[in-house]
Amino acid sequence: MARPHSIDPRAFNDPRNHYPTDEEFYASDRPVQHEIPEDRPRGGAHDPFRHPWSWGMIALVVFAGLIVLMGIALFP
């Protein structure tokens, strides 16, 4: 018994031991047109009036700046 996991040589001609290649296996259920068009194309025009920050984020940054300035002014 040279290799315990090898196929029995008597079973080489058995059609149950012939498997499709990866390309054949995965092509069997692939549609003819296998590329789907994008429903949301990338890189489109952006809204020039939309600001990248929200008003809440702007208020938070201004508040943090005021806290730092008040700390410097009150505790020199």
C-alpha atoms as a PDB file:
ATOM      1  CA  MET A   1       0.000   0.000   0.000  1.00  0.00           C
ATOM      2  CA  ALA A   2       2.099   2.857  -1.320  1.00  0.00           C
ATOM      3  CA  ARG A   3      -0.301   5.783  -0.877  1.00  0.00           C
ATOM      4  CA  PRO A   4      -3.450   5.248   1.199  1.00  0.00           C
ATOM      5  CA  HIS A   5      -5.304   8.279  -0.243  1.00  0.00           C
ATOM      6  CA  SER A   6      -4.768   7.638  -3.937  1.00  0.00           C
ATOM      7  CA  ILE A   7      -7.536   6.490  -6.267  1.00  0.00           C
ATOM      8  CA  ASP A   8      -7.766   2.783  -6.837  1.00  0.00           C
ATOM      9  CA  PRO A   9      -6.304   2.159 -10.330  1.00  0.00           C
ATOM     10  CA  ARG A  10      -9.247  -0.106 -11.135  1.00  0.00           C
ATOM     11  CA  ALA A  11     -11.582   2.897 -10.815  1.00  0.00           C
ATOM     12  CA  PHE A  12      -9.888   5.147 -13.404  1.00  0.00           C
ATOM     13  CA  ASN A  13     -12.400   4.246 -16.129  1.00  0.00           C
ATOM     14  CA  ASP A  14     -15.424   4.714 -13.879  1.00  0.00           C
ATOM     15  CA  PRO A  15     -17.412   7.780 -15.125  1.00  0.00           C
ATOM     16  CA  ARG A  16     -18.249   8.726 -11.525  1.00  0.00           C
ATOM     17  CA  ASN A  17     -14.583   9.615 -10.958  1.00  0.00           C
ATOM     18  CA  HIS A  18     -14.384  12.169 -13.780  1.00  0.00           C
ATOM     19  CA  TYR A  19     -14.987  15.657 -12.413  1.00  0.00           C
ATOM     20  CA  PRO A  20     -15.350  18.900 -14.397  1.00  0.00           C
ATOM     21  CA  THR A  21     -12.650  21.527 -14.229  1.00  0.00           C
ATOM     22  CA  ASP A  22     -13.293  24.683 -12.226  1.00  0.00           C
ATOM     23  CA  GLU A  23     -14.121  26.644 -15.385  1.00  0.00           C
ATOM     24  CA  GLU A  24     -16.638  24.027 -16.518  1.00  0.00           C
ATOM     25  CA  PHE A  25     -18.201  23.746 -13.080  1.00  0.00           C
ATOM     26  CA  TYR A  26     -18.692  27.477 -12.519  1.00  0.00           C
ATOM     27  CA  ALA A  27     -19.730  28.162 -16.128  1.00  0.00           C
ATOM     28  CA  SER A  28     -22.629  25.736 -15.889  1.00  0.00           C
ATOM     29  CA  ASP A  29     -24.936  28.143 -14.008  1.00  0.00           C
ATOM     30  CA  ARG A  30     -23.544  31.448 -15.277  1.00  0.00           C
ATOM     31  CA  PRO A  31     -25.923  33.493 -17.447  1.00  0.00           C
ATOM     32  CA  VAL A  32     -24.981  34.467 -20.978  1.00  0.00           C
ATOM     33  CA  GLN A  33     -24.519  38.121 -20.008  1.00  0.00           C
ATOM     34  CA  HIS A  34     -22.660  37.663 -16.751  1.00  0.00           C
ATOM     35  CA  GLU A  35     -21.719  41.317 -16.251  1.00  0.00           C
ATOM     36  CA  ILE A  36     -24.469  43.319 -14.605  1.00  0.00           C
ATOM     37  CA  PRO A  37     -24.579  47.075 -15.324  1.00  0.00           C
ATOM     38  CA  GLU A  38     -24.037  49.294 -12.308  1.00  0.00           C
ATOM     39  CA  ASP A  39     -27.198  50.740 -10.831  1.00  0.00           C
ATOM     40  CA  ARG A  40     -25.231  53.440  -8.956  1.00  0.00           C
ATOM     41  CA  PRO A  41     -22.334  54.604 -11.112  1.00  0.00           C
ATOM     42  CA  ARG A  42     -19.315  55.831  -9.188  1.00  0.00           C
ATOM     43  CA  GLY A  43     -17.568  59.144  -9.753  1.00  0.00           C
ATOM     44  CA  GLY A  44     -20.622  61.156 -10.720  1.00  0.00           C
ATOM     45  CA  ALA A  45     -21.102  64.877 -10.288  1.00  0.00           C
ATOM     46  CA  HIS A  46     -21.382  66.047  -6.704  1.00  0.00           C
ATOM     47  CA  ASP A  47     -23.704  68.659  -5.265  1.00  0.00           C
ATOM     48  CA  PRO A  48     -21.673  71.905  -5.067  1.00  0.00           C
ATOM     49  CA  PHE A  49     -23.950  73.342  -2.341  1.00  0.00           C
ATOM     50  CA  ARG A  50     -23.573  70.415   0.056  1.00  0.00           C
ATOM     51  CA  HIS A  51     -21.020  71.086   2.767  1.00  0.00           C
ATOM     52  CA  PRO A  52     -18.884  68.103   3.767  1.00  0.00           C
ATOM     53  CA  TRP A  53     -19.455  68.761   7.477  1.00  0.00           C
ATOM     54  CA  SER A  54     -22.772  68.797   9.268  1.00  0.00           C
ATOM     55  CA  TRP A  55     -23.843  71.726  11.412  1.00  0.00           C
ATOM     56  CA  GLY A  56     -23.526  69.598  14.524  1.00  0.00           C
ATOM     57  CA  MET A  57     -19.873  68.865  13.784  1.00  0.00           C
ATOM     58  CA  ILE A  58     -19.183  72.560  13.142  1.00  0.00           C
ATOM     59  CA  ALA A  59     -20.834  73.468  16.469  1.00  0.00           C
ATOM     60  CA  LEU A  60     -18.770  70.828  18.281  1.00  0.00           C
ATOM     61  CA  VAL A  61     -15.492  72.173  16.865  1.00  0.00           C
ATOM     62  CA  VAL A  62     -16.444  75.781  17.712  1.00  0.00           C
ATOM     63  CA  PHE A  63     -17.447  74.725  21.244  1.00  0.00           C
ATOM     64  CA  ALA A  64     -14.145  72.877  21.766  1.00  0.00           C
ATOM     65  CA  GLY A  65     -12.242  75.930  20.495  1.00  0.00           C
ATOM     66  CA  LEU A  66     -14.133  78.210  22.886  1.00  0.00           C
ATOM     67  CA  ILE A  67     -13.357  75.887  25.817  1.00  0.00           C
ATOM     68  CA  VAL A  68      -9.645  75.998  24.965  1.00  0.00           C
ATOM     69  CA  LEU A  69      -9.658  79.792  24.575  1.00  0.00           C
ATOM     70  CA  MET A  70     -11.579  80.264  27.841  1.00  0.00           C
ATOM     71  CA  GLY A  71      -9.141  77.964  29.622  1.00  0.00           C
ATOM     72  CA  ILE A  72      -6.197  79.982  28.348  1.00  0.00           C
ATOM     73  CA  ALA A  73      -7.893  83.303  29.229  1.00  0.00           C
ATOM     74  CA  LEU A  74      -9.045  82.270  32.720  1.00  0.00           C
ATOM     75  CA  PHE A  75      -6.007  80.268  33.817  1.00  0.00           C
ATOM     76  CA  PRO A  76      -2.901  81.974  32.389  1.00  0.00           C
END
